[in-house]
């Protein structure tokens, strides 16, 4: 079996197939682990923990703790987060080898229902799994080239002083909260009357109130 895309879908497929004795190959053009490991769930959780720590530190004096924060280093946070992610991707290399799964870094192209081309070579399999993942949709409007997507958030080398978050969905809301807690001035621009359209109204109301109290402009 061949999986095009070494994110959650492709890795799960080759892992299970190899357990049943299938010879497997997984192909990835970017970084093994896909969105979740590299620019999604995992690094976002690291940033959330940092924001949560900042929130607790700021409220500690109210509980009797003599706490003084002299400085905050975004660069140190980013370096630690990136090293943590690198450890996960390095682990995958050894894990796939232990499973007997071959891994090729390159752009896989589907030739026919049983053939894939990558890096000038062709490979055949009884089954091919297409798990290329997705990318953020950037609106075709003037000035869009000056913004960044959620992927770009994880490439920021410095904490921005002021941020405009376009979109009131859960990704935008999460990143807005993190940036606000770490010291950025944040504004959220959304089409709906409330944040998190489609979520329970109780959550929407509580979030609107909390973000406003913490200085986020909606």
N, C-alpha and C. Protein backbone atom coordinates (compact mmCIF):
# COMPACT_ATOMS: atom_id res chain seq x y z
N UNK A 1 0.83 -1.19 0.00
CA UNK A 1 0.00 0.00 0.00
C UNK A 1 0.88 1.25 0.00
N UNK A 2 0.41 2.27 -0.70
CA UNK A 2 1.10 3.56 -0.74
C UNK A 2 0.17 4.63 -0.19
N UNK A 3 0.68 5.46 0.69
CA UNK A 3 -0.08 6.61 1.19
C UNK A 3 0.62 7.88 0.74
N UNK A 4 -0.13 8.74 0.06
CA UNK A 4 0.39 10.05 -0.33
C UNK A 4 -0.04 11.05 0.74
N UNK A 5 0.91 11.48 1.54
CA UNK A 5 0.62 12.36 2.66
C UNK A 5 0.92 11.66 3.97
N UNK A 6 1.87 12.20 4.73
CA UNK A 6 2.28 11.59 6.00
C UNK A 6 1.76 12.37 7.18
N UNK A 7 0.47 12.73 7.10
CA UNK A 7 -0.19 13.34 8.24
C UNK A 7 -0.93 12.28 9.03
N UNK A 8 -1.93 12.69 9.80
CA UNK A 8 -2.66 11.75 10.65
C UNK A 8 -3.29 10.62 9.84
N UNK A 9 -3.89 10.96 8.69
CA UNK A 9 -4.56 9.95 7.88
C UNK A 9 -3.61 8.96 7.26
N UNK A 10 -2.58 9.45 6.57
CA UNK A 10 -1.64 8.58 5.90
C UNK A 10 -0.86 7.71 6.86
N UNK A 11 -0.40 8.29 7.97
CA UNK A 11 0.37 7.53 8.94
C UNK A 11 -0.48 6.45 9.61
N UNK A 12 -1.73 6.77 9.92
CA UNK A 12 -2.62 5.78 10.53
C UNK A 12 -2.87 4.62 9.57
N UNK A 13 -3.02 4.95 8.28
CA UNK A 13 -3.29 3.91 7.28
C UNK A 13 -2.13 2.94 7.14
N UNK A 14 -0.90 3.47 7.00
CA UNK A 14 0.24 2.57 6.81
C UNK A 14 0.57 1.82 8.11
N UNK A 15 0.31 2.45 9.24
CA UNK A 15 0.54 1.77 10.51
C UNK A 15 -0.34 0.54 10.63
N UNK A 16 -1.64 0.71 10.36
CA UNK A 16 -2.57 -0.40 10.48
C UNK A 16 -2.30 -1.47 9.41
N UNK A 17 -2.04 -1.03 8.19
CA UNK A 17 -1.79 -1.99 7.11
C UNK A 17 -0.53 -2.82 7.38
N UNK A 18 0.50 -2.17 7.92
CA UNK A 18 1.74 -2.90 8.21
C UNK A 18 1.53 -3.93 9.30
N UNK A 19 0.63 -3.64 10.24
CA UNK A 19 0.32 -4.59 11.30
C UNK A 19 -0.32 -5.86 10.75
N UNK A 20 -0.99 -5.72 9.60
CA UNK A 20 -1.61 -6.87 8.95
C UNK A 20 -0.72 -7.48 7.88
N UNK A 21 0.55 -7.09 7.88
CA UNK A 21 1.51 -7.73 7.00
C UNK A 21 1.71 -7.11 5.64
N UNK A 22 1.10 -5.95 5.39
CA UNK A 22 1.25 -5.30 4.10
C UNK A 22 2.58 -4.53 4.03
N UNK A 23 3.20 -4.56 2.87
CA UNK A 23 4.37 -3.73 2.62
C UNK A 23 3.88 -2.33 2.27
N UNK A 24 4.39 -1.32 2.98
CA UNK A 24 3.83 0.03 2.83
C UNK A 24 4.90 1.07 2.52
N UNK A 25 4.45 2.09 1.81
CA UNK A 25 5.27 3.26 1.49
C UNK A 25 4.44 4.50 1.78
N UNK A 26 5.03 5.48 2.46
CA UNK A 26 4.35 6.75 2.70
C UNK A 26 5.20 7.87 2.11
N UNK A 27 4.52 8.81 1.44
CA UNK A 27 5.19 9.91 0.73
C UNK A 27 4.72 11.23 1.31
N UNK A 28 5.65 12.14 1.57
CA UNK A 28 5.29 13.45 2.12
C UNK A 28 6.16 14.53 1.50
N UNK A 29 5.52 15.61 1.01
CA UNK A 29 6.26 16.68 0.36
C UNK A 29 6.75 17.73 1.36
N UNK A 30 6.11 17.82 2.51
CA UNK A 30 6.51 18.81 3.51
C UNK A 30 7.23 18.12 4.66
N UNK A 31 6.61 18.12 5.83
CA UNK A 31 7.24 17.52 7.01
C UNK A 31 6.37 16.41 7.55
N UNK A 32 6.99 15.30 7.89
CA UNK A 32 6.24 14.16 8.40
C UNK A 32 5.46 14.56 9.65
N UNK A 33 4.25 14.06 9.76
CA UNK A 33 3.38 14.42 10.87
C UNK A 33 2.21 15.27 10.43
N UNK A 34 2.36 15.96 9.30
CA UNK A 34 1.26 16.74 8.75
C UNK A 34 0.91 17.98 9.56
N UNK A 35 -0.30 18.46 9.34
CA UNK A 35 -0.76 19.69 9.97
C UNK A 35 -0.78 19.59 11.48
N UNK A 36 -1.36 18.53 12.01
CA UNK A 36 -1.54 18.42 13.46
C UNK A 36 -0.22 18.54 14.21
N UNK A 37 0.79 17.83 13.76
CA UNK A 37 2.07 17.83 14.47
C UNK A 37 2.85 19.11 14.26
N UNK A 38 2.81 19.66 13.05
CA UNK A 38 3.72 20.75 12.70
C UNK A 38 3.12 22.15 12.79
N UNK A 39 1.87 22.32 12.36
CA UNK A 39 1.27 23.66 12.36
C UNK A 39 -0.18 23.62 12.83
N UNK A 40 -0.48 22.70 13.73
CA UNK A 40 -1.85 22.56 14.19
C UNK A 40 -1.93 22.21 15.66
N UNK A 41 -2.59 21.10 15.93
CA UNK A 41 -2.93 20.72 17.31
C UNK A 41 -1.76 20.81 18.29
N UNK A 42 -0.64 20.19 17.94
CA UNK A 42 0.46 20.05 18.91
C UNK A 42 1.14 21.38 19.22
N UNK A 43 1.66 22.11 18.23
CA UNK A 43 2.30 23.39 18.57
C UNK A 43 1.31 24.40 19.13
N UNK A 44 0.04 24.29 18.72
CA UNK A 44 -0.97 25.20 19.27
C UNK A 44 -1.16 24.95 20.76
N UNK A 45 -1.12 23.67 21.17
CA UNK A 45 -1.25 23.35 22.60
C UNK A 45 -0.07 23.93 23.39
N UNK A 46 1.11 23.90 22.81
CA UNK A 46 2.28 24.49 23.48
C UNK A 46 2.03 25.98 23.71
N UNK A 47 1.51 26.65 22.68
CA UNK A 47 1.25 28.08 22.81
C UNK A 47 0.13 28.34 23.82
N UNK A 48 -0.85 27.45 23.85
CA UNK A 48 -1.93 27.60 24.82
C UNK A 48 -1.40 27.47 26.24
N UNK A 49 -0.51 26.51 26.47
CA UNK A 49 0.06 26.35 27.81
C UNK A 49 0.86 27.59 28.21
N UNK A 50 1.56 28.19 27.25
CA UNK A 50 2.30 29.42 27.54
C UNK A 50 1.34 30.54 27.92
N UNK A 51 0.26 30.67 27.16
CA UNK A 51 -0.74 31.70 27.45
C UNK A 51 -1.41 31.45 28.79
N UNK A 52 -1.68 30.18 29.08
CA UNK A 52 -2.30 29.82 30.35
C UNK A 52 -1.38 30.16 31.52
N UNK A 53 -0.08 29.90 31.33
CA UNK A 53 0.91 30.24 32.37
C UNK A 53 0.94 31.74 32.61
N UNK A 54 0.89 32.52 31.52
CA UNK A 54 0.90 33.98 31.65
C UNK A 54 -0.33 34.46 32.42
N UNK A 55 -1.48 33.86 32.14
CA UNK A 55 -2.71 34.24 32.82
C UNK A 55 -2.63 33.95 34.31
N UNK A 56 -2.10 32.79 34.67
CA UNK A 56 -1.99 32.43 36.08
C UNK A 56 -0.99 33.33 36.81
N UNK A 57 0.11 33.64 36.13
CA UNK A 57 1.11 34.52 36.75
C UNK A 57 0.50 35.89 37.03
N UNK A 58 -0.27 36.39 36.07
CA UNK A 58 -0.86 37.72 36.22
C UNK A 58 -1.89 37.79 37.34
N UNK A 59 -2.51 36.66 37.64
CA UNK A 59 -3.54 36.65 38.70
C UNK A 59 -3.02 36.11 40.03
N UNK A 60 -1.74 35.71 40.07
CA UNK A 60 -1.19 35.05 41.27
C UNK A 60 -1.18 35.96 42.49
N UNK A 61 -0.91 37.26 42.29
CA UNK A 61 -0.84 38.17 43.43
C UNK A 61 -2.16 38.25 44.17
N UNK A 62 -3.25 38.11 43.43
CA UNK A 62 -4.56 38.14 44.06
C UNK A 62 -4.80 36.96 44.99
N UNK A 63 -3.99 35.93 44.86
CA UNK A 63 -4.09 34.76 45.73
C UNK A 63 -2.97 34.72 46.77
N UNK A 64 -2.26 35.85 46.92
CA UNK A 64 -1.27 35.95 47.97
C UNK A 64 0.15 35.62 47.58
N UNK A 65 0.39 35.36 46.30
CA UNK A 65 1.74 35.03 45.86
C UNK A 65 2.49 36.31 45.48
N UNK A 66 3.74 36.38 45.94
CA UNK A 66 4.60 37.50 45.59
C UNK A 66 5.33 37.15 44.30
N UNK A 67 4.72 37.51 43.17
CA UNK A 67 5.24 37.11 41.86
C UNK A 67 5.60 38.36 41.06
N UNK A 68 6.76 38.33 40.46
CA UNK A 68 7.19 39.42 39.59
C UNK A 68 7.73 38.84 38.29
N UNK A 69 7.15 39.26 37.17
CA UNK A 69 7.62 38.82 35.86
C UNK A 69 8.49 39.92 35.28
N UNK A 70 9.77 39.65 35.17
CA UNK A 70 10.70 40.67 34.68
C UNK A 70 10.66 40.79 33.15
N UNK A 71 10.43 39.68 32.48
CA UNK A 71 10.41 39.72 31.01
C UNK A 71 9.77 38.45 30.47
N UNK A 72 9.44 38.50 29.19
CA UNK A 72 8.93 37.32 28.48
C UNK A 72 9.66 37.25 27.14
N UNK A 73 10.16 36.07 26.81
CA UNK A 73 10.91 35.88 25.56
C UNK A 73 10.12 35.01 24.59
N UNK A 74 9.55 35.65 23.57
CA UNK A 74 8.86 34.91 22.51
C UNK A 74 9.84 33.99 21.79
N UNK A 75 11.04 34.48 21.58
CA UNK A 75 12.05 33.69 20.86
C UNK A 75 12.37 32.40 21.61
N UNK A 76 12.48 32.49 22.94
CA UNK A 76 12.76 31.30 23.74
C UNK A 76 11.59 30.33 23.69
N UNK A 77 10.37 30.87 23.74
CA UNK A 77 9.18 30.03 23.64
C UNK A 77 9.14 29.32 22.29
N UNK A 78 9.39 30.07 21.22
CA UNK A 78 9.36 29.49 19.88
C UNK A 78 10.44 28.41 19.73
N UNK A 79 11.63 28.69 20.25
CA UNK A 79 12.72 27.71 20.14
C UNK A 79 12.37 26.42 20.88
N UNK A 80 11.81 26.55 22.07
CA UNK A 80 11.42 25.38 22.83
C UNK A 80 10.32 24.60 22.14
N UNK A 81 9.35 25.32 21.59
CA UNK A 81 8.25 24.66 20.87
C UNK A 81 8.76 23.94 19.64
N UNK A 82 9.60 24.61 18.86
CA UNK A 82 10.13 23.99 17.64
C UNK A 82 10.98 22.76 17.95
N UNK A 83 11.75 22.81 19.03
CA UNK A 83 12.55 21.66 19.43
C UNK A 83 11.66 20.49 19.84
N UNK A 84 10.57 20.81 20.50
CA UNK A 84 9.62 19.78 20.91
C UNK A 84 9.00 19.09 19.69
N UNK A 85 8.61 19.89 18.70
CA UNK A 85 8.03 19.33 17.47
C UNK A 85 9.06 18.52 16.71
N UNK A 86 10.28 19.00 16.67
CA UNK A 86 11.35 18.26 15.98
C UNK A 86 11.56 16.90 16.62
N UNK A 87 11.44 16.83 17.93
CA UNK A 87 11.57 15.56 18.62
C UNK A 87 10.50 14.57 18.19
N UNK A 88 9.29 15.07 17.96
CA UNK A 88 8.20 14.21 17.51
C UNK A 88 8.45 13.70 16.09
N UNK A 89 8.83 14.60 15.19
CA UNK A 89 9.07 14.19 13.80
C UNK A 89 10.26 13.24 13.71
N UNK A 90 11.28 13.45 14.52
CA UNK A 90 12.41 12.52 14.53
C UNK A 90 11.98 11.14 15.04
N UNK A 91 11.08 11.13 16.00
CA UNK A 91 10.56 9.86 16.52
C UNK A 91 9.84 9.09 15.43
N UNK A 92 9.08 9.80 14.59
CA UNK A 92 8.35 9.14 13.50
C UNK A 92 9.30 8.40 12.56
N UNK A 93 10.46 8.98 12.30
CA UNK A 93 11.43 8.33 11.40
C UNK A 93 11.79 6.94 11.92
N UNK A 94 12.11 6.86 13.20
CA UNK A 94 12.46 5.57 13.78
C UNK A 94 11.28 4.63 13.89
N UNK A 95 10.10 5.19 14.17
CA UNK A 95 8.90 4.38 14.31
C UNK A 95 8.53 3.71 12.99
N UNK A 96 8.58 4.47 11.90
CA UNK A 96 8.27 3.88 10.59
C UNK A 96 9.27 2.80 10.23
N UNK A 97 10.52 3.04 10.56
CA UNK A 97 11.55 2.03 10.28
C UNK A 97 11.27 0.75 11.06
N UNK A 98 10.86 0.89 12.32
CA UNK A 98 10.53 -0.28 13.14
C UNK A 98 9.34 -1.04 12.57
N UNK A 99 8.40 -0.32 11.97
CA UNK A 99 7.23 -0.95 11.36
C UNK A 99 7.55 -1.59 10.01
N UNK A 100 8.71 -1.24 9.46
CA UNK A 100 9.05 -1.73 8.12
C UNK A 100 8.39 -0.92 7.02
N UNK A 101 7.97 0.31 7.35
CA UNK A 101 7.32 1.19 6.37
C UNK A 101 8.38 2.08 5.73
N UNK A 102 8.40 2.13 4.40
CA UNK A 102 9.33 3.00 3.69
C UNK A 102 8.78 4.42 3.65
N UNK A 103 9.68 5.39 3.70
CA UNK A 103 9.28 6.80 3.70
C UNK A 103 10.09 7.55 2.66
N UNK A 104 9.40 8.30 1.79
CA UNK A 104 10.06 9.11 0.77
C UNK A 104 9.61 10.55 0.91
N UNK A 105 10.57 11.46 0.95
CA UNK A 105 10.25 12.89 0.98
C UNK A 105 10.21 13.40 -0.46
N UNK A 106 9.04 13.84 -0.89
CA UNK A 106 8.89 14.32 -2.26
C UNK A 106 7.42 14.54 -2.58
N UNK A 107 7.15 15.02 -3.79
CA UNK A 107 5.79 15.30 -4.23
C UNK A 107 5.25 14.10 -4.99
N UNK A 108 4.32 13.40 -4.38
CA UNK A 108 3.75 12.21 -5.01
C UNK A 108 2.66 12.55 -6.01
N UNK A 109 2.72 11.93 -7.18
CA UNK A 109 1.71 12.14 -8.22
C UNK A 109 1.06 10.81 -8.57
N UNK A 110 -0.26 10.82 -8.65
CA UNK A 110 -1.01 9.62 -9.00
C UNK A 110 -0.97 9.42 -10.51
N UNK A 111 -0.34 8.33 -10.96
CA UNK A 111 -0.22 8.03 -12.39
C UNK A 111 -1.45 7.27 -12.86
N UNK A 112 -1.82 6.22 -12.15
CA UNK A 112 -3.06 5.49 -12.37
C UNK A 112 -3.49 4.89 -11.04
N UNK A 113 -4.50 4.04 -11.05
CA UNK A 113 -5.06 3.56 -9.79
C UNK A 113 -4.11 2.70 -8.97
N UNK A 114 -3.01 2.28 -9.58
CA UNK A 114 -2.04 1.45 -8.86
C UNK A 114 -0.61 1.98 -8.90
N UNK A 115 -0.42 3.20 -9.45
CA UNK A 115 0.94 3.70 -9.66
C UNK A 115 1.08 5.13 -9.18
N UNK A 116 2.20 5.38 -8.50
CA UNK A 116 2.53 6.72 -8.01
C UNK A 116 3.92 7.09 -8.48
N UNK A 117 4.09 8.36 -8.88
CA UNK A 117 5.40 8.87 -9.29
C UNK A 117 5.89 9.87 -8.24
N UNK A 118 7.17 9.74 -7.85
CA UNK A 118 7.76 10.67 -6.90
C UNK A 118 9.26 10.74 -7.14
N UNK A 119 9.78 11.95 -7.22
CA UNK A 119 11.22 12.17 -7.42
C UNK A 119 11.77 11.43 -8.63
N UNK A 120 10.96 11.36 -9.69
CA UNK A 120 11.42 10.73 -10.93
C UNK A 120 11.32 9.22 -10.95
N UNK A 121 10.83 8.62 -9.87
CA UNK A 121 10.68 7.16 -9.81
C UNK A 121 9.20 6.81 -9.71
N UNK A 122 8.85 5.60 -10.14
CA UNK A 122 7.47 5.14 -10.04
C UNK A 122 7.38 3.95 -9.09
N UNK A 123 6.26 3.88 -8.39
CA UNK A 123 6.03 2.80 -7.42
C UNK A 123 4.60 2.30 -7.61
N UNK A 124 4.42 1.00 -7.44
CA UNK A 124 3.09 0.41 -7.63
C UNK A 124 2.62 -0.24 -6.34
N UNK A 125 1.30 -0.32 -6.19
CA UNK A 125 0.71 -0.95 -5.01
C UNK A 125 -0.71 -1.38 -5.33
N UNK A 126 -1.20 -2.35 -4.57
CA UNK A 126 -2.59 -2.79 -4.73
C UNK A 126 -3.56 -1.70 -4.32
N UNK A 127 -3.16 -0.93 -3.32
CA UNK A 127 -4.03 0.12 -2.80
C UNK A 127 -3.23 1.41 -2.61
N UNK A 128 -3.86 2.53 -2.96
CA UNK A 128 -3.23 3.84 -2.78
C UNK A 128 -4.17 4.72 -1.95
N UNK A 129 -3.65 5.25 -0.87
CA UNK A 129 -4.42 6.14 0.01
C UNK A 129 -4.05 7.58 -0.29
N UNK A 130 -5.04 8.39 -0.61
CA UNK A 130 -4.80 9.81 -0.87
C UNK A 130 -5.13 10.60 0.41
N UNK A 131 -4.11 11.07 1.06
CA UNK A 131 -4.29 11.82 2.31
C UNK A 131 -3.39 13.05 2.31
N UNK A 132 -3.58 13.94 1.30
CA UNK A 132 -2.67 15.09 1.15
C UNK A 132 -2.92 16.22 2.13
N UNK A 133 -4.03 16.15 2.88
CA UNK A 133 -4.32 17.22 3.83
C UNK A 133 -4.92 18.44 3.15
N UNK A 134 -4.91 19.55 3.84
CA UNK A 134 -5.49 20.78 3.30
C UNK A 134 -4.66 21.98 3.68
N UNK A 135 -5.06 23.13 3.17
CA UNK A 135 -4.37 24.38 3.45
C UNK A 135 -5.40 25.46 3.76
N UNK A 136 -5.03 26.47 4.55
CA UNK A 136 -5.96 27.57 4.82
C UNK A 136 -6.37 28.28 3.53
N UNK A 137 -7.62 28.68 3.45
CA UNK A 137 -8.12 29.39 2.28
C UNK A 137 -7.88 30.89 2.46
N UNK A 138 -7.13 31.48 1.55
CA UNK A 138 -6.85 32.91 1.60
C UNK A 138 -7.81 33.63 0.65
N UNK A 139 -8.58 34.61 1.13
CA UNK A 139 -9.54 35.30 0.26
C UNK A 139 -8.85 36.09 -0.85
N UNK A 140 -9.46 36.11 -2.00
CA UNK A 140 -8.90 36.85 -3.14
C UNK A 140 -9.34 38.32 -3.07
N UNK A 141 -8.74 39.03 -2.14
CA UNK A 141 -9.06 40.44 -1.95
C UNK A 141 -7.77 41.25 -1.94
N UNK A 142 -7.90 42.52 -2.23
CA UNK A 142 -6.73 43.39 -2.25
C UNK A 142 -6.10 43.46 -0.86
N UNK A 143 -4.81 43.28 -0.80
CA UNK A 143 -4.09 43.35 0.45
C UNK A 143 -3.92 42.03 1.17
N UNK A 144 -4.54 40.96 0.64
CA UNK A 144 -4.45 39.66 1.31
C UNK A 144 -3.02 39.17 1.42
N UNK A 145 -2.19 39.61 0.47
CA UNK A 145 -0.79 39.16 0.48
C UNK A 145 -0.01 39.69 1.68
N UNK A 146 -0.56 40.68 2.36
CA UNK A 146 0.14 41.25 3.51
C UNK A 146 -0.19 40.51 4.82
N UNK A 147 -1.15 39.61 4.75
CA UNK A 147 -1.52 38.86 5.94
C UNK A 147 -0.84 37.50 5.99
N UNK A 148 -1.06 36.78 7.07
CA UNK A 148 -0.53 35.43 7.21
C UNK A 148 -1.68 34.49 7.58
N UNK A 149 -1.50 33.22 7.31
CA UNK A 149 -2.49 32.22 7.71
C UNK A 149 -2.11 31.66 9.08
N UNK A 150 -2.89 30.72 9.55
CA UNK A 150 -2.55 30.08 10.83
C UNK A 150 -1.21 29.37 10.74
N UNK A 151 -0.82 28.90 9.55
CA UNK A 151 0.51 28.31 9.38
C UNK A 151 1.59 29.34 9.67
N UNK A 152 1.38 30.56 9.18
CA UNK A 152 2.36 31.62 9.37
C UNK A 152 2.50 32.05 10.82
N UNK A 153 1.45 31.83 11.60
CA UNK A 153 1.52 32.16 13.03
C UNK A 153 2.69 31.45 13.70
N UNK A 154 2.93 30.21 13.29
CA UNK A 154 4.00 29.42 13.91
C UNK A 154 5.38 29.77 13.37
N UNK A 155 5.43 30.67 12.40
CA UNK A 155 6.71 31.13 11.86
C UNK A 155 7.12 32.49 12.42
N UNK A 156 6.24 33.12 13.18
CA UNK A 156 6.53 34.45 13.72
C UNK A 156 7.77 34.40 14.61
N UNK A 157 8.72 35.28 14.33
CA UNK A 157 9.96 35.32 15.10
C UNK A 157 9.86 36.23 16.32
N UNK A 158 8.88 37.13 16.31
CA UNK A 158 8.70 38.06 17.42
C UNK A 158 7.22 38.17 17.75
N UNK A 159 6.93 38.51 18.98
CA UNK A 159 5.54 38.73 19.39
C UNK A 159 5.05 40.03 18.77
N UNK A 160 4.01 39.98 17.93
CA UNK A 160 3.52 41.22 17.31
C UNK A 160 2.87 42.14 18.35
N UNK A 161 3.07 43.44 18.16
CA UNK A 161 2.50 44.40 19.10
C UNK A 161 0.99 44.51 18.91
N UNK A 162 0.54 44.42 17.65
CA UNK A 162 -0.88 44.56 17.37
C UNK A 162 -1.27 43.58 16.27
N UNK A 163 -2.42 42.92 16.44
CA UNK A 163 -2.83 41.87 15.51
C UNK A 163 -4.31 42.03 15.15
N UNK A 164 -4.61 41.88 13.87
CA UNK A 164 -5.99 41.79 13.41
C UNK A 164 -6.23 40.35 12.99
N UNK A 165 -7.17 39.69 13.64
CA UNK A 165 -7.51 38.31 13.31
C UNK A 165 -8.78 38.33 12.47
N UNK A 166 -8.68 37.84 11.23
CA UNK A 166 -9.82 37.84 10.32
C UNK A 166 -10.51 36.49 10.42
N UNK A 167 -11.70 36.48 11.01
CA UNK A 167 -12.45 35.25 11.17
C UNK A 167 -12.69 34.94 12.63
N UNK A 168 -13.95 34.64 12.94
CA UNK A 168 -14.32 34.36 14.33
C UNK A 168 -14.56 32.90 14.60
N UNK A 169 -13.96 32.02 13.77
CA UNK A 169 -14.06 30.58 14.02
C UNK A 169 -13.11 30.15 15.11
N UNK A 170 -13.09 28.84 15.38
CA UNK A 170 -12.33 28.40 16.55
C UNK A 170 -10.83 28.60 16.40
N UNK A 171 -10.29 28.51 15.18
CA UNK A 171 -8.85 28.71 15.01
C UNK A 171 -8.47 30.16 15.28
N UNK A 172 -9.21 31.08 14.67
CA UNK A 172 -8.95 32.50 14.90
C UNK A 172 -9.12 32.89 16.35
N UNK A 173 -10.15 32.34 16.98
CA UNK A 173 -10.43 32.66 18.38
C UNK A 173 -9.31 32.13 19.29
N UNK A 174 -8.84 30.93 19.01
CA UNK A 174 -7.75 30.36 19.82
C UNK A 174 -6.48 31.20 19.71
N UNK A 175 -6.10 31.53 18.48
CA UNK A 175 -4.88 32.30 18.28
C UNK A 175 -5.01 33.71 18.87
N UNK A 176 -6.20 34.29 18.76
CA UNK A 176 -6.42 35.61 19.35
C UNK A 176 -6.23 35.58 20.86
N UNK A 177 -6.76 34.55 21.50
CA UNK A 177 -6.62 34.42 22.95
C UNK A 177 -5.18 34.24 23.38
N UNK A 178 -4.43 33.43 22.63
CA UNK A 178 -3.02 33.21 22.94
C UNK A 178 -2.23 34.51 22.84
N UNK A 179 -2.41 35.21 21.73
CA UNK A 179 -1.67 36.44 21.50
C UNK A 179 -2.01 37.50 22.53
N UNK A 180 -3.28 37.59 22.88
CA UNK A 180 -3.70 38.56 23.89
C UNK A 180 -3.06 38.26 25.25
N UNK A 181 -3.06 37.00 25.64
CA UNK A 181 -2.50 36.61 26.93
C UNK A 181 -1.00 36.86 27.01
N UNK A 182 -0.33 36.77 25.86
CA UNK A 182 1.13 36.95 25.84
C UNK A 182 1.54 38.40 25.62
N UNK A 183 0.55 39.30 25.40
CA UNK A 183 0.89 40.72 25.37
C UNK A 183 0.56 41.50 24.12
N UNK A 184 -0.03 40.86 23.11
CA UNK A 184 -0.39 41.59 21.89
C UNK A 184 -1.73 42.31 22.06
N UNK A 185 -1.87 43.42 21.35
CA UNK A 185 -3.17 44.09 21.24
C UNK A 185 -3.92 43.41 20.10
N UNK A 186 -5.12 42.90 20.38
CA UNK A 186 -5.80 42.03 19.42
C UNK A 186 -7.19 42.55 19.07
N UNK A 187 -7.50 42.52 17.78
CA UNK A 187 -8.85 42.79 17.28
C UNK A 187 -9.29 41.61 16.43
N UNK A 188 -10.54 41.17 16.61
CA UNK A 188 -11.10 40.08 15.82
C UNK A 188 -12.18 40.64 14.90
N UNK A 189 -12.07 40.32 13.62
CA UNK A 189 -13.06 40.75 12.63
C UNK A 189 -13.79 39.51 12.12
N UNK A 190 -15.10 39.44 12.34
CA UNK A 190 -15.89 38.30 11.89
C UNK A 190 -17.16 38.73 11.19
N UNK A 191 -17.70 37.84 10.35
CA UNK A 191 -18.93 38.15 9.61
C UNK A 191 -20.18 37.97 10.46
N UNK A 192 -20.13 37.04 11.41
CA UNK A 192 -21.31 36.73 12.21
C UNK A 192 -21.48 37.74 13.34
N UNK A 193 -22.65 37.69 13.97
CA UNK A 193 -22.93 38.60 15.08
C UNK A 193 -22.18 38.20 16.35
N UNK A 194 -21.67 36.99 16.37
CA UNK A 194 -20.95 36.50 17.55
C UNK A 194 -19.78 35.63 17.12
N UNK A 195 -18.87 35.39 18.02
CA UNK A 195 -17.77 34.48 17.74
C UNK A 195 -18.28 33.03 17.76
N UNK A 196 -17.52 32.15 17.14
CA UNK A 196 -17.81 30.71 17.15
C UNK A 196 -19.23 30.40 16.66
N UNK A 197 -19.57 30.90 15.50
CA UNK A 197 -20.87 30.62 14.90
C UNK A 197 -21.05 29.10 14.77
N UNK A 198 -22.18 28.60 15.20
CA UNK A 198 -22.44 27.17 15.15
C UNK A 198 -22.20 26.46 16.47
N UNK A 199 -21.51 27.14 17.40
CA UNK A 199 -21.31 26.57 18.73
C UNK A 199 -22.52 26.91 19.61
N UNK A 200 -22.60 26.31 20.78
CA UNK A 200 -23.69 26.60 21.71
C UNK A 200 -23.69 28.08 22.08
N UNK A 201 -24.88 28.65 22.17
CA UNK A 201 -25.00 30.08 22.47
C UNK A 201 -24.39 30.42 23.83
N UNK A 202 -24.45 29.50 24.78
CA UNK A 202 -23.86 29.74 26.10
C UNK A 202 -22.36 29.96 25.98
N UNK A 203 -21.70 29.17 25.11
CA UNK A 203 -20.26 29.32 24.90
C UNK A 203 -19.97 30.65 24.23
N UNK A 204 -20.77 31.00 23.23
CA UNK A 204 -20.58 32.26 22.51
C UNK A 204 -20.68 33.45 23.45
N UNK A 205 -21.71 33.46 24.29
CA UNK A 205 -21.92 34.57 25.21
C UNK A 205 -20.77 34.69 26.21
N UNK A 206 -20.35 33.56 26.77
CA UNK A 206 -19.27 33.56 27.75
C UNK A 206 -17.96 34.03 27.13
N UNK A 207 -17.70 33.59 25.89
CA UNK A 207 -16.45 33.96 25.23
C UNK A 207 -16.44 35.45 24.88
N UNK A 208 -17.55 35.95 24.34
CA UNK A 208 -17.64 37.38 24.03
C UNK A 208 -17.34 38.22 25.27
N UNK A 209 -17.94 37.84 26.38
CA UNK A 209 -17.78 38.58 27.63
C UNK A 209 -16.33 38.50 28.12
N UNK A 210 -15.76 37.30 28.11
CA UNK A 210 -14.40 37.10 28.62
C UNK A 210 -13.38 37.84 27.77
N UNK A 211 -13.51 37.72 26.44
CA UNK A 211 -12.53 38.37 25.56
C UNK A 211 -12.62 39.89 25.67
N UNK A 212 -13.82 40.41 25.79
CA UNK A 212 -13.99 41.86 25.94
C UNK A 212 -13.36 42.34 27.24
N UNK A 213 -13.56 41.58 28.31
CA UNK A 213 -12.98 41.95 29.61
C UNK A 213 -11.46 41.92 29.58
N UNK A 214 -10.89 41.06 28.73
CA UNK A 214 -9.43 40.95 28.64
C UNK A 214 -8.83 41.89 27.58
N UNK A 215 -9.66 42.76 27.04
CA UNK A 215 -9.14 43.80 26.15
C UNK A 215 -9.10 43.45 24.68
N UNK A 216 -9.72 42.35 24.29
CA UNK A 216 -9.79 42.00 22.87
C UNK A 216 -10.98 42.73 22.25
N UNK A 217 -10.74 43.44 21.16
CA UNK A 217 -11.80 44.15 20.45
C UNK A 217 -12.45 43.22 19.44
N UNK A 218 -13.78 43.10 19.51
CA UNK A 218 -14.51 42.21 18.60
C UNK A 218 -15.39 43.05 17.69
